[in-house]
Amino acid sequence: MDRHFDEELIRLKEMVSTMASSVQETISLSIKGLKERNLDILKKVYDNENKINRLQMEIDEMVLMILALRQPVATDLRFITSCMKINNDLERIGDEAVNIAERAEFLIANPPLKPLIDIPRMAEISQGMVKDAISSLLNKDGQLAQGVRERDDEVDDLRDQIFRELLTYMMEDQKNVKRAMELISIARYLERVGDHATNIAENVIYMVSGKDVRHPTMKL
């Protein structure tokens, strides 16, 4: 049974890694489609969404099967249950990519409001957080996971900066309001990507150390 169990854990890792790669690609496509004003690129986002949803269900089924048949304990149990939680965060990141693509379609259909500088930068940081969060999971690296948590403030600062800048555009001309609001929405979706990456990192820290860092100021 030990050999089969090890094989199942390897397979679970591979499935999570595949889903993470698909999610990262989908976020990249949504931002690339926005920057290049290319609807064909955005269509690939919707295609990837179906793949991500299928993977989510397959990972959940794999986790439940392992829990039911193998009854893992200690670090193996923490890894398996963390995969289930992380699976949900990855699927939600895919949803945020779809939300970005939908807003991008409107923006492409209208004249550009301003050059895109901070949003691509925000996307780069968020994507890097997702990549490192998954790497920390697969390598059981709590230090890397902690670094992901610390980068969340960078994403939040860029969101605030984008909001302030776009607010001035809205105040200057009412015709700018709709386009500015769509860009603000995209910034909020990217912020949520960073939040989901942080959730993944916090699950990894718990998996590695057994320490719950989600609410550090909470008194028990």
C-alpha atoms as a PDB file:
ATOM      1  CA  MET A   1       0.000   0.000   0.000  1.00  0.00           C
ATOM      2  CA  ASP A   2       2.897   2.378   0.764  1.00  0.00           C
ATOM      3  CA  ARG A   3       4.070   2.251  -2.848  1.00  0.00           C
ATOM      4  CA  HIS A   4       0.581   3.009  -4.144  1.00  0.00           C
ATOM      5  CA  PHE A   5       0.201   5.817  -1.619  1.00  0.00           C
ATOM      6  CA  ASP A   6       3.486   7.390  -2.725  1.00  0.00           C
ATOM      7  CA  GLU A   7       2.395   7.139  -6.346  1.00  0.00           C
ATOM      8  CA  GLU A   8      -0.905   8.827  -5.520  1.00  0.00           C
ATOM      9  CA  LEU A   9       0.870  11.684  -3.746  1.00  0.00           C
ATOM     10  CA  ILE A  10       3.137  12.163  -6.761  1.00  0.00           C
ATOM     11  CA  ARG A  11       0.115  12.182  -9.042  1.00  0.00           C
ATOM     12  CA  LEU A  12      -1.646  14.724  -6.824  1.00  0.00           C
ATOM     13  CA  LYS A  13       1.407  16.991  -6.957  1.00  0.00           C
ATOM     14  CA  GLU A  14       1.470  16.715 -10.741  1.00  0.00           C
ATOM     15  CA  MET A  15      -2.222  17.602 -11.007  1.00  0.00           C
ATOM     16  CA  VAL A  16      -1.846  20.665  -8.775  1.00  0.00           C
ATOM     17  CA  SER A  17       1.222  21.746 -10.751  1.00  0.00           C
ATOM     18  CA  THR A  18      -0.677  21.363 -14.043  1.00  0.00           C
ATOM     19  CA  MET A  19      -3.591  23.392 -12.730  1.00  0.00           C
ATOM     20  CA  ALA A  20      -1.267  26.111 -11.433  1.00  0.00           C
ATOM     21  CA  SER A  21       0.428  26.349 -14.849  1.00  0.00           C
ATOM     22  CA  SER A  22      -2.958  26.666 -16.563  1.00  0.00           C
ATOM     23  CA  VAL A  23      -4.045  29.375 -14.129  1.00  0.00           C
ATOM     24  CA  GLN A  24      -0.838  31.358 -14.605  1.00  0.00           C
ATOM     25  CA  GLU A  25      -1.189  31.106 -18.381  1.00  0.00           C
ATOM     26  CA  THR A  26      -4.789  32.316 -18.168  1.00  0.00           C
ATOM     27  CA  ILE A  27      -3.857  35.389 -16.145  1.00  0.00           C
ATOM     28  CA  SER A  28      -1.050  36.134 -18.626  1.00  0.00           C
ATOM     29  CA  LEU A  29      -3.437  35.829 -21.566  1.00  0.00           C
ATOM     30  CA  SER A  30      -6.002  38.152 -19.996  1.00  0.00           C
ATOM     31  CA  ILE A  31      -3.408  40.898 -19.445  1.00  0.00           C
ATOM     32  CA  LYS A  32      -1.758  40.333 -22.825  1.00  0.00           C
ATOM     33  CA  GLY A  33      -5.130  40.581 -24.552  1.00  0.00           C
ATOM     34  CA  LEU A  34      -5.798  43.839 -22.717  1.00  0.00           C
ATOM     35  CA  LYS A  35      -2.393  45.344 -23.521  1.00  0.00           C
ATOM     36  CA  GLU A  36      -2.420  44.290 -27.170  1.00  0.00           C
ATOM     37  CA  ARG A  37      -6.157  44.983 -27.579  1.00  0.00           C
ATOM     38  CA  ASN A  38      -6.562  41.539 -29.098  1.00  0.00           C
ATOM     39  CA  LEU A  39      -9.881  39.692 -28.818  1.00  0.00           C
ATOM     40  CA  ASP A  40      -8.421  36.454 -30.173  1.00  0.00           C
ATOM     41  CA  ILE A  41      -6.082  36.276 -27.187  1.00  0.00           C
ATOM     42  CA  LEU A  42      -8.974  36.903 -24.817  1.00  0.00           C
ATOM     43  CA  LYS A  43     -10.905  33.990 -26.334  1.00  0.00           C
ATOM     44  CA  LYS A  44      -8.147  31.669 -25.129  1.00  0.00           C
ATOM     45  CA  VAL A  45      -8.913  32.786 -21.567  1.00  0.00           C
ATOM     46  CA  TYR A  46     -12.416  31.332 -21.833  1.00  0.00           C
ATOM     47  CA  ASP A  47     -11.064  28.115 -23.346  1.00  0.00           C
ATOM     48  CA  ASN A  48      -8.648  27.738 -20.448  1.00  0.00           C
ATOM     49  CA  GLU A  49     -11.435  28.309 -17.932  1.00  0.00           C
ATOM     50  CA  ASN A  50     -13.067  25.022 -18.945  1.00  0.00           C
ATOM     51  CA  LYS A  51      -9.764  23.184 -18.531  1.00  0.00           C
ATOM     52  CA  ILE A  52      -9.237  24.713 -15.085  1.00  0.00           C
ATOM     53  CA  ASN A  53     -12.735  23.764 -13.939  1.00  0.00           C
ATOM     54  CA  ARG A  54     -12.187  20.155 -15.022  1.00  0.00           C
ATOM     55  CA  LEU A  55      -8.876  20.012 -13.203  1.00  0.00           C
ATOM     56  CA  GLN A  56     -10.461  21.396 -10.049  1.00  0.00           C
ATOM     57  CA  MET A  57     -12.991  18.560  -9.984  1.00  0.00           C
ATOM     58  CA  GLU A  58     -10.342  15.940 -10.733  1.00  0.00           C
ATOM     59  CA  ILE A  59      -8.103  17.171  -7.909  1.00  0.00           C
ATOM     60  CA  ASP A  60     -11.001  17.215  -5.444  1.00  0.00           C
ATOM     61  CA  GLU A  61     -11.888  13.650  -6.418  1.00  0.00           C
ATOM     62  CA  MET A  62      -8.261  12.558  -6.045  1.00  0.00           C
ATOM     63  CA  VAL A  63      -8.000  14.114  -2.585  1.00  0.00           C
ATOM     64  CA  LEU A  64     -11.230  12.504  -1.388  1.00  0.00           C
ATOM     65  CA  MET A  65     -10.143   9.142  -2.743  1.00  0.00           C
ATOM     66  CA  ILE A  66      -6.789   9.311  -0.918  1.00  0.00           C
ATOM     67  CA  LEU A  67      -8.424  10.418   2.334  1.00  0.00           C
ATOM     68  CA  ALA A  68     -10.991   7.641   2.158  1.00  0.00           C
ATOM     69  CA  LEU A  69      -8.686   4.778   1.159  1.00  0.00           C
ATOM     70  CA  ARG A  70      -5.346   5.668   2.778  1.00  0.00           C
ATOM     71  CA  GLN A  71      -6.335   7.554   5.945  1.00  0.00           C
ATOM     72  CA  PRO A  72      -3.101   9.611   5.954  1.00  0.00           C
ATOM     73  CA  VAL A  73      -1.732  11.191   9.113  1.00  0.00           C
ATOM     74  CA  ALA A  74       0.673  13.954  10.192  1.00  0.00           C
ATOM     75  CA  THR A  75       2.525  15.780   7.397  1.00  0.00           C
ATOM     76  CA  ASP A  76       0.914  13.713   4.629  1.00  0.00           C
ATOM     77  CA  LEU A  77      -2.528  14.636   5.901  1.00  0.00           C
ATOM     78  CA  ARG A  78      -1.615  18.326   6.047  1.00  0.00           C
ATOM     79  CA  PHE A  79      -0.249  18.194   2.493  1.00  0.00           C
ATOM     80  CA  ILE A  80      -3.359  16.498   1.106  1.00  0.00           C
ATOM     81  CA  THR A  81      -5.845  18.796   2.846  1.00  0.00           C
ATOM     82  CA  SER A  82      -3.743  21.815   1.825  1.00  0.00           C
ATOM     83  CA  CYS A  83      -4.000  20.678  -1.801  1.00  0.00           C
ATOM     84  CA  MET A  84      -7.777  20.746  -1.542  1.00  0.00           C
ATOM     85  CA  LYS A  85      -7.771  24.297  -0.159  1.00  0.00           C
ATOM     86  CA  ILE A  86      -5.174  25.462  -2.678  1.00  0.00           C
ATOM     87  CA  ASN A  87      -7.166  23.867  -5.474  1.00  0.00           C
ATOM     88  CA  ASN A  88     -10.050  26.178  -4.627  1.00  0.00           C
ATOM     89  CA  ASP A  89      -7.806  29.256  -4.604  1.00  0.00           C
ATOM     90  CA  LEU A  90      -6.372  28.322  -7.995  1.00  0.00           C
ATOM     91  CA  GLU A  91      -9.852  27.956  -9.476  1.00  0.00           C
ATOM     92  CA  ARG A  92     -10.785  31.375  -8.109  1.00  0.00           C
ATOM     93  CA  ILE A  93      -7.681  32.892  -9.712  1.00  0.00           C
ATOM     94  CA  GLY A  94      -8.902  31.460 -13.014  1.00  0.00           C
ATOM     95  CA  ASP A  95     -12.225  33.190 -12.389  1.00  0.00           C
ATOM     96  CA  GLU A  96     -10.427  36.499 -11.850  1.00  0.00           C
ATOM     97  CA  ALA A  97      -8.692  36.063 -15.217  1.00  0.00           C
ATOM     98  CA  VAL A  98     -12.097  35.639 -16.862  1.00  0.00           C
ATOM     99  CA  ASN A  99     -13.330  38.789 -15.100  1.00  0.00           C
ATOM    100  CA  ILE A 100     -10.322  40.690 -16.443  1.00  0.00           C
ATOM    101  CA  ALA A 101     -10.973  39.385 -19.963  1.00  0.00           C
ATOM    102  CA  GLU A 102     -14.598  40.536 -19.802  1.00  0.00           C
ATOM    103  CA  ARG A 103     -13.560  44.054 -18.769  1.00  0.00           C
ATOM    104  CA  ALA A 104     -10.841  44.029 -21.422  1.00  0.00           C
ATOM    105  CA  GLU A 105     -13.419  43.346 -24.138  1.00  0.00           C
ATOM    106  CA  PHE A 106     -15.214  46.592 -23.265  1.00  0.00           C
ATOM    107  CA  LEU A 107     -11.958  48.551 -23.143  1.00  0.00           C
ATOM    108  CA  ILE A 108     -10.843  47.183 -26.514  1.00  0.00           C
ATOM    109  CA  ALA A 109     -14.115  48.324 -28.058  1.00  0.00           C
ATOM    110  CA  ASN A 110     -13.405  51.911 -26.930  1.00  0.00           C
ATOM    111  CA  PRO A 111     -10.488  54.339 -27.383  1.00  0.00           C
ATOM    112  CA  PRO A 112      -7.659  53.881 -24.858  1.00  0.00           C
ATOM    113  CA  LEU A 113      -8.021  56.079 -21.788  1.00  0.00           C
ATOM    114  CA  LYS A 114      -4.309  56.081 -20.899  1.00  0.00           C
ATOM    115  CA  PRO A 115      -1.141  54.041 -21.398  1.00  0.00           C
ATOM    116  CA  LEU A 116      -1.176  50.856 -19.334  1.00  0.00           C
ATOM    117  CA  ILE A 117       1.787  50.941 -16.962  1.00  0.00           C
ATOM    118  CA  ASP A 118       0.760  50.080 -13.400  1.00  0.00           C
ATOM    119  CA  ILE A 119      -1.767  47.367 -14.268  1.00  0.00           C
ATOM    120  CA  PRO A 120       0.810  45.217 -16.140  1.00  0.00           C
ATOM    121  CA  ARG A 121       3.217  45.786 -13.239  1.00  0.00           C
ATOM    122  CA  MET A 122       0.530  44.722 -10.779  1.00  0.00           C
ATOM    123  CA  ALA A 123      -0.163  41.646 -12.900  1.00  0.00           C
ATOM    124  CA  GLU A 124       3.545  40.773 -12.957  1.00  0.00           C
ATOM    125  CA  ILE A 125       3.794  40.867  -9.169  1.00  0.00           C
ATOM    126  CA  SER A 126       0.564  38.905  -8.687  1.00  0.00           C
ATOM    127  CA  GLN A 127       1.640  36.232 -11.155  1.00  0.00           C
ATOM    128  CA  GLY A 128       5.023  35.983  -9.461  1.00  0.00           C
ATOM    129  CA  MET A 129       3.269  35.471  -6.144  1.00  0.00           C
ATOM    130  CA  VAL A 130       1.188  32.625  -7.589  1.00  0.00           C
ATOM    131  CA  LYS A 131       4.259  31.004  -9.123  1.00  0.00           C
ATOM    132  CA  ASP A 132       6.250  31.181  -5.889  1.00  0.00           C
ATOM    133  CA  ALA A 133       3.287  30.057  -3.779  1.00  0.00           C
ATOM    134  CA  ILE A 134       2.939  26.884  -5.849  1.00  0.00           C
ATOM    135  CA  SER A 135       6.692  26.351  -5.845  1.00  0.00           C
ATOM    136  CA  SER A 136       6.672  26.643  -2.054  1.00  0.00           C
ATOM    137  CA  LEU A 137       3.965  23.972  -1.936  1.00  0.00           C
ATOM    138  CA  LEU A 138       5.710  21.516  -4.219  1.00  0.00           C
ATOM    139  CA  ASN A 139       9.066  22.017  -2.463  1.00  0.00           C
ATOM    140  CA  LYS A 140       7.622  22.373   1.056  1.00  0.00           C
ATOM    141  CA  ASP A 141       9.449  25.705   1.384  1.00  0.00           C
ATOM    142  CA  GLY A 142       8.000  27.769   4.220  1.00  0.00           C
ATOM    143  CA  GLN A 143      10.498  30.604   3.720  1.00  0.00           C
ATOM    144  CA  LEU A 144       9.446  31.094   0.101  1.00  0.00           C
ATOM    145  CA  ALA A 145       5.801  31.040   1.198  1.00  0.00           C
ATOM    146  CA  GLN A 146       6.512  33.764   3.754  1.00  0.00           C
ATOM    147  CA  GLY A 147       8.044  35.882   1.000  1.00  0.00           C
ATOM    148  CA  VAL A 148       4.799  35.601  -0.956  1.00  0.00           C
ATOM    149  CA  ARG A 149       2.844  36.923   2.027  1.00  0.00           C
ATOM    150  CA  GLU A 150       5.170  39.917   2.316  1.00  0.00           C
ATOM    151  CA  ARG A 151       4.656  40.884  -1.339  1.00  0.00           C
ATOM    152  CA  ASP A 152       0.908  41.283  -0.880  1.00  0.00           C
ATOM    153  CA  ASP A 153       1.440  44.856   0.333  1.00  0.00           C
ATOM    154  CA  GLU A 154       3.093  45.754  -2.992  1.00  0.00           C
ATOM    155  CA  VAL A 155      -0.035  44.686  -4.844  1.00  0.00           C
ATOM    156  CA  ASP A 156      -2.268  46.657  -2.479  1.00  0.00           C
ATOM    157  CA  ASP A 157      -0.124  49.790  -2.885  1.00  0.00           C
ATOM    158  CA  LEU A 158      -0.343  49.567  -6.682  1.00  0.00           C
ATOM    159  CA  ARG A 159      -4.114  49.131  -6.487  1.00  0.00           C
ATOM    160  CA  ASP A 160      -4.369  52.333  -4.438  1.00  0.00           C
ATOM    161  CA  GLN A 161      -2.067  54.175  -6.833  1.00  0.00           C
ATOM    162  CA  ILE A 162      -4.147  53.075  -9.843  1.00  0.00           C
ATOM    163  CA  PHE A 163      -7.358  54.169  -8.133  1.00  0.00           C
ATOM    164  CA  ARG A 164      -5.993  57.627  -7.310  1.00  0.00           C
ATOM    165  CA  GLU A 165      -4.740  58.189 -10.852  1.00  0.00           C
ATOM    166  CA  LEU A 166      -7.974  57.031 -12.491  1.00  0.00           C
ATOM    167  CA  LEU A 167     -10.016  59.136 -10.111  1.00  0.00           C
ATOM    168  CA  THR A 168      -8.377  62.246 -11.587  1.00  0.00           C
ATOM    169  CA  TYR A 169      -9.386  61.109 -15.090  1.00  0.00           C
ATOM    170  CA  MET A 170     -12.980  60.697 -13.959  1.00  0.00           C
ATOM    171  CA  MET A 171     -13.011  64.126 -12.345  1.00  0.00           C
ATOM    172  CA  GLU A 172     -11.610  65.759 -15.485  1.00  0.00           C
ATOM    173  CA  ASP A 173     -14.262  64.432 -17.875  1.00  0.00           C
ATOM    174  CA  GLN A 174     -17.450  62.456 -17.293  1.00  0.00           C
ATOM    175  CA  LYS A 175     -16.828  60.589 -20.565  1.00  0.00           C
ATOM    176  CA  ASN A 176     -13.858  58.921 -18.898  1.00  0.00           C
ATOM    177  CA  VAL A 177     -15.859  57.414 -16.046  1.00  0.00           C
ATOM    178  CA  LYS A 178     -16.876  54.089 -17.590  1.00  0.00           C
ATOM    179  CA  ARG A 179     -13.415  53.246 -18.954  1.00  0.00           C
ATOM    180  CA  ALA A 180     -11.760  54.319 -15.698  1.00  0.00           C
ATOM    181  CA  MET A 181     -14.146  52.148 -13.669  1.00  0.00           C
ATOM    182  CA  GLU A 182     -13.362  49.131 -15.850  1.00  0.00           C
ATOM    183  CA  LEU A 183      -9.638  49.649 -15.270  1.00  0.00           C
ATOM    184  CA  ILE A 184     -10.246  49.999 -11.534  1.00  0.00           C
ATOM    185  CA  SER A 185     -12.155  46.710 -11.625  1.00  0.00           C
ATOM    186  CA  ILE A 186      -9.209  45.018 -13.325  1.00  0.00           C
ATOM    187  CA  ALA A 187      -6.908  46.325 -10.586  1.00  0.00           C
ATOM    188  CA  ARG A 188      -9.256  44.871  -7.981  1.00  0.00           C
ATOM    189  CA  TYR A 189      -9.261  41.497  -9.725  1.00  0.00           C
ATOM    190  CA  LEU A 190      -5.463  41.492  -9.728  1.00  0.00           C
ATOM    191  CA  GLU A 191      -5.508  42.377  -6.041  1.00  0.00           C
ATOM    192  CA  ARG A 192      -7.669  39.298  -5.467  1.00  0.00           C
ATOM    193  CA  VAL A 193      -5.158  37.196  -7.403  1.00  0.00           C
ATOM    194  CA  GLY A 194      -2.546  38.365  -4.914  1.00  0.00           C
ATOM    195  CA  ASP A 195      -4.912  37.562  -2.044  1.00  0.00           C
ATOM    196  CA  HIS A 196      -5.430  34.015  -3.339  1.00  0.00           C
ATOM    197  CA  ALA A 197      -1.668  33.573  -3.721  1.00  0.00           C
ATOM    198  CA  THR A 198      -1.317  34.720  -0.116  1.00  0.00           C
ATOM    199  CA  ASN A 199      -3.927  32.172   0.960  1.00  0.00           C
ATOM    200  CA  ILE A 200      -1.928  29.454  -0.789  1.00  0.00           C
ATOM    201  CA  ALA A 201       1.270  30.613   0.929  1.00  0.00           C
ATOM    202  CA  GLU A 202      -0.402  30.587   4.329  1.00  0.00           C
ATOM    203  CA  ASN A 203      -1.623  27.046   3.729  1.00  0.00           C
ATOM    204  CA  VAL A 204       1.929  26.035   2.824  1.00  0.00           C
ATOM    205  CA  ILE A 205       3.291  27.564   6.036  1.00  0.00           C
ATOM    206  CA  TYR A 206       0.725  25.569   8.002  1.00  0.00           C
ATOM    207  CA  MET A 207       1.570  22.441   6.051  1.00  0.00           C
ATOM    208  CA  VAL A 208       5.301  22.803   6.706  1.00  0.00           C
ATOM    209  CA  SER A 209       5.294  24.072  10.292  1.00  0.00           C
ATOM    210  CA  GLY A 210       1.843  23.304  11.653  1.00  0.00           C
ATOM    211  CA  LYS A 211       1.518  27.025  12.468  1.00  0.00           C
ATOM    212  CA  ASP A 212      -1.631  28.905  11.424  1.00  0.00           C
ATOM    213  CA  VAL A 213      -0.577  32.417  10.336  1.00  0.00           C
ATOM    214  CA  ARG A 214      -3.872  33.554   8.828  1.00  0.00           C
ATOM    215  CA  HIS A 215      -4.844  35.720  11.831  1.00  0.00           C
ATOM    216  CA  PRO A 216      -1.612  36.623  13.641  1.00  0.00           C
ATOM    217  CA  THR A 217      -3.264  39.236  15.904  1.00  0.00           C
ATOM    218  CA  MET A 218      -6.144  37.026  17.009  1.00  0.00           C
ATOM    219  CA  LYS A 219      -6.066  36.027  20.663  1.00  0.00           C
ATOM    220  CA  LEU A 220      -7.111  32.456  21.487  1.00  0.00           C
END
